[in-house]
């Protein structure tokens, strides 16, 4: 599942993520799918995917790859 979200905003339900769009023009892929529980947030830092629990505890996962998404044309 590819997931679009606001950085560091808690998700409303448990999701399994294998990749996500960090911005409208940047995609992050994961080496293995990651479960993000309701209330946790997700971010991308220096090649790692960081899942943060409401308590502040963090889990780090290595991103399998990331790339800029080529967009043709301007914004509408």
N, C-alpha and C. Protein backbone atom coordinates (compact mmCIF):
# COMPACT_ATOMS: atom_id res chain seq x y z
N UNK A 1 0.85 -1.18 0.00
CA UNK A 1 0.00 0.00 0.00
C UNK A 1 0.88 1.23 0.00
N UNK A 2 0.59 2.17 -0.85
CA UNK A 2 1.28 3.46 -0.83
C UNK A 2 0.40 4.44 -0.07
N UNK A 3 1.02 5.21 0.79
CA UNK A 3 0.30 6.02 1.76
C UNK A 3 0.74 7.47 1.63
N UNK A 4 -0.19 8.39 1.57
CA UNK A 4 0.14 9.81 1.59
C UNK A 4 -0.28 10.37 2.94
N UNK A 5 0.55 11.20 3.54
CA UNK A 5 0.29 11.70 4.88
C UNK A 5 1.05 12.99 5.12
N UNK A 6 0.69 13.65 6.20
CA UNK A 6 1.46 14.81 6.66
C UNK A 6 2.55 14.28 7.59
N UNK A 7 3.74 14.78 7.46
CA UNK A 7 4.85 14.32 8.31
C UNK A 7 4.53 14.55 9.77
N UNK A 8 4.84 13.55 10.57
CA UNK A 8 4.71 13.60 12.03
C UNK A 8 3.29 13.87 12.51
N UNK A 9 2.29 13.55 11.71
CA UNK A 9 0.90 13.62 12.14
C UNK A 9 0.44 12.18 12.41
N UNK A 10 -0.09 11.89 13.59
CA UNK A 10 -0.49 10.52 13.92
C UNK A 10 -1.51 9.96 12.94
N UNK A 11 -1.35 8.68 12.60
CA UNK A 11 -2.33 8.01 11.73
C UNK A 11 -3.55 7.64 12.56
N UNK A 12 -4.69 7.55 11.91
CA UNK A 12 -5.94 7.31 12.63
C UNK A 12 -6.26 5.84 12.83
N UNK A 13 -5.56 4.95 12.11
CA UNK A 13 -5.80 3.51 12.27
C UNK A 13 -4.52 2.77 11.92
N UNK A 14 -4.46 1.49 12.28
CA UNK A 14 -3.27 0.69 11.97
C UNK A 14 -3.18 0.49 10.46
N UNK A 15 -1.98 0.70 9.92
CA UNK A 15 -1.75 0.49 8.50
C UNK A 15 -0.43 -0.25 8.30
N UNK A 16 -0.35 -1.00 7.22
CA UNK A 16 0.89 -1.63 6.82
C UNK A 16 1.39 -0.86 5.61
N UNK A 17 2.60 -0.35 5.70
CA UNK A 17 3.12 0.53 4.66
C UNK A 17 4.36 -0.11 4.02
N UNK A 18 4.37 -0.15 2.69
CA UNK A 18 5.54 -0.62 1.98
C UNK A 18 6.24 0.53 1.24
N UNK A 19 5.55 1.67 1.18
CA UNK A 19 6.11 2.85 0.57
C UNK A 19 5.17 4.01 0.79
N UNK A 20 5.69 5.22 0.70
CA UNK A 20 4.83 6.38 0.88
C UNK A 20 5.42 7.59 0.17
N UNK A 21 4.55 8.53 -0.16
CA UNK A 21 4.98 9.79 -0.75
C UNK A 21 5.23 10.77 0.38
N UNK A 22 6.47 11.19 0.51
CA UNK A 22 6.85 12.11 1.57
C UNK A 22 6.38 13.52 1.24
N UNK A 23 6.51 13.90 0.01
CA UNK A 23 6.02 15.17 -0.52
C UNK A 23 5.26 14.81 -1.79
N UNK A 24 4.73 15.78 -2.46
CA UNK A 24 4.05 15.49 -3.72
C UNK A 24 5.04 15.04 -4.80
N UNK A 25 6.34 15.22 -4.54
CA UNK A 25 7.34 14.89 -5.56
C UNK A 25 8.47 13.99 -5.06
N UNK A 26 8.28 13.28 -3.92
CA UNK A 26 9.34 12.43 -3.39
C UNK A 26 8.73 11.16 -2.82
N UNK A 27 9.17 10.00 -3.35
CA UNK A 27 8.65 8.71 -2.91
C UNK A 27 9.69 7.95 -2.11
N UNK A 28 9.27 7.31 -1.02
CA UNK A 28 10.13 6.49 -0.18
C UNK A 28 9.62 5.06 -0.25
N UNK A 29 10.50 4.11 -0.57
CA UNK A 29 10.17 2.69 -0.56
C UNK A 29 10.86 2.03 0.62
N UNK A 30 10.24 1.02 1.21
CA UNK A 30 10.82 0.32 2.35
C UNK A 30 11.34 -1.05 1.93
N UNK A 31 12.40 -1.52 2.60
CA UNK A 31 12.93 -2.85 2.31
C UNK A 31 11.89 -3.91 2.65
N UNK A 32 11.17 -3.72 3.76
CA UNK A 32 10.11 -4.62 4.19
C UNK A 32 8.94 -3.78 4.66
N UNK A 33 7.70 -4.27 4.52
CA UNK A 33 6.55 -3.51 5.02
C UNK A 33 6.66 -3.25 6.52
N UNK A 34 6.11 -2.12 6.94
CA UNK A 34 6.14 -1.70 8.35
C UNK A 34 4.70 -1.49 8.82
N UNK A 35 4.39 -1.99 10.01
CA UNK A 35 3.09 -1.71 10.63
C UNK A 35 3.19 -0.43 11.43
N UNK A 36 2.27 0.48 11.19
CA UNK A 36 2.18 1.72 11.96
C UNK A 36 0.84 1.68 12.68
N UNK A 37 0.87 1.72 14.01
CA UNK A 37 -0.35 1.62 14.80
C UNK A 37 -1.05 2.97 14.92
N UNK A 38 -2.34 2.90 15.20
CA UNK A 38 -3.13 4.13 15.41
C UNK A 38 -2.44 4.98 16.46
N UNK A 39 -2.31 6.27 16.19
CA UNK A 39 -1.67 7.20 17.12
C UNK A 39 -0.19 7.40 16.87
N UNK A 40 0.44 6.52 16.07
CA UNK A 40 1.85 6.68 15.76
C UNK A 40 2.01 7.57 14.52
N UNK A 41 3.17 8.19 14.41
CA UNK A 41 3.46 9.01 13.23
C UNK A 41 4.69 8.43 12.53
N UNK A 42 4.86 8.83 11.29
CA UNK A 42 5.96 8.30 10.48
C UNK A 42 6.68 9.46 9.80
N UNK A 43 7.99 9.30 9.66
CA UNK A 43 8.80 10.33 9.01
C UNK A 43 9.98 9.65 8.32
N UNK A 44 10.74 10.41 7.58
CA UNK A 44 11.90 9.94 6.83
C UNK A 44 13.09 10.80 7.23
N UNK A 45 14.14 10.15 7.74
CA UNK A 45 15.34 10.88 8.17
C UNK A 45 16.59 10.15 7.70
N UNK A 46 17.40 10.80 6.89
CA UNK A 46 18.71 10.29 6.46
C UNK A 46 18.68 8.83 6.03
N UNK A 47 17.73 8.46 5.19
CA UNK A 47 17.68 7.11 4.67
C UNK A 47 16.95 6.11 5.55
N UNK A 48 16.44 6.56 6.68
CA UNK A 48 15.67 5.69 7.56
C UNK A 48 14.22 6.16 7.65
N UNK A 49 13.32 5.21 7.81
CA UNK A 49 11.93 5.51 8.12
C UNK A 49 11.80 5.45 9.63
N UNK A 50 11.26 6.50 10.24
CA UNK A 50 11.14 6.59 11.69
C UNK A 50 9.68 6.61 12.08
N UNK A 51 9.29 5.62 12.90
CA UNK A 51 7.93 5.55 13.43
C UNK A 51 7.99 5.99 14.88
N UNK A 52 7.18 6.99 15.24
CA UNK A 52 7.19 7.53 16.60
C UNK A 52 5.86 7.25 17.28
N UNK A 53 5.93 6.61 18.45
CA UNK A 53 4.74 6.31 19.26
C UNK A 53 4.32 7.56 20.02
N UNK A 54 3.08 7.61 20.51
CA UNK A 54 2.64 8.76 21.32
C UNK A 54 3.53 9.01 22.54
N UNK A 55 4.17 7.96 23.05
CA UNK A 55 5.06 8.09 24.21
C UNK A 55 6.39 8.74 23.86
N UNK A 56 6.68 8.87 22.56
CA UNK A 56 7.95 9.42 22.11
C UNK A 56 8.95 8.34 21.71
N UNK A 57 8.66 7.08 22.03
CA UNK A 57 9.53 5.98 21.64
C UNK A 57 9.58 5.89 20.12
N UNK A 58 10.79 5.67 19.58
CA UNK A 58 10.95 5.62 18.14
C UNK A 58 11.46 4.26 17.69
N UNK A 59 10.97 3.82 16.52
CA UNK A 59 11.48 2.63 15.84
C UNK A 59 12.00 3.09 14.48
N UNK A 60 13.19 2.60 14.11
CA UNK A 60 13.80 2.98 12.84
C UNK A 60 13.88 1.77 11.93
N UNK A 61 13.60 2.02 10.64
CA UNK A 61 13.66 0.99 9.62
C UNK A 61 14.44 1.55 8.44
N UNK A 62 15.24 0.70 7.84
CA UNK A 62 16.00 1.14 6.68
C UNK A 62 15.08 1.25 5.47
N UNK A 63 15.16 2.37 4.80
CA UNK A 63 14.38 2.56 3.57
C UNK A 63 15.06 1.78 2.46
N UNK A 64 14.27 1.10 1.67
CA UNK A 64 14.83 0.32 0.57
C UNK A 64 15.30 1.20 -0.57
N UNK A 65 14.68 2.35 -0.70
CA UNK A 65 15.06 3.28 -1.76
C UNK A 65 14.13 4.47 -1.75
N UNK A 66 14.58 5.53 -2.32
CA UNK A 66 13.76 6.74 -2.41
C UNK A 66 14.13 7.45 -3.70
N UNK A 67 13.20 8.21 -4.22
CA UNK A 67 13.47 8.91 -5.46
C UNK A 67 12.53 10.09 -5.64
N UNK A 68 13.00 11.05 -6.40
CA UNK A 68 12.16 12.19 -6.77
C UNK A 68 11.21 11.72 -7.86
N UNK A 69 9.98 12.17 -7.79
CA UNK A 69 8.97 11.83 -8.79
C UNK A 69 8.97 12.92 -9.84
N UNK A 70 9.16 12.53 -11.08
CA UNK A 70 9.17 13.50 -12.18
C UNK A 70 7.75 13.90 -12.53
N UNK A 71 7.46 15.16 -12.47
CA UNK A 71 6.14 15.68 -12.84
C UNK A 71 6.29 16.52 -14.09
N UNK A 72 5.41 16.33 -15.03
CA UNK A 72 5.43 17.11 -16.27
C UNK A 72 4.37 18.19 -16.17
N UNK A 73 4.75 19.41 -16.48
CA UNK A 73 3.80 20.52 -16.41
C UNK A 73 3.79 21.17 -15.05
N UNK A 74 3.06 22.25 -14.94
CA UNK A 74 2.96 22.98 -13.69
C UNK A 74 1.78 22.54 -12.86
N UNK A 75 1.62 23.18 -11.73
CA UNK A 75 0.49 22.89 -10.86
C UNK A 75 -0.78 23.49 -11.45
N UNK A 76 -1.89 22.82 -11.20
CA UNK A 76 -3.16 23.35 -11.72
C UNK A 76 -3.95 23.99 -10.62
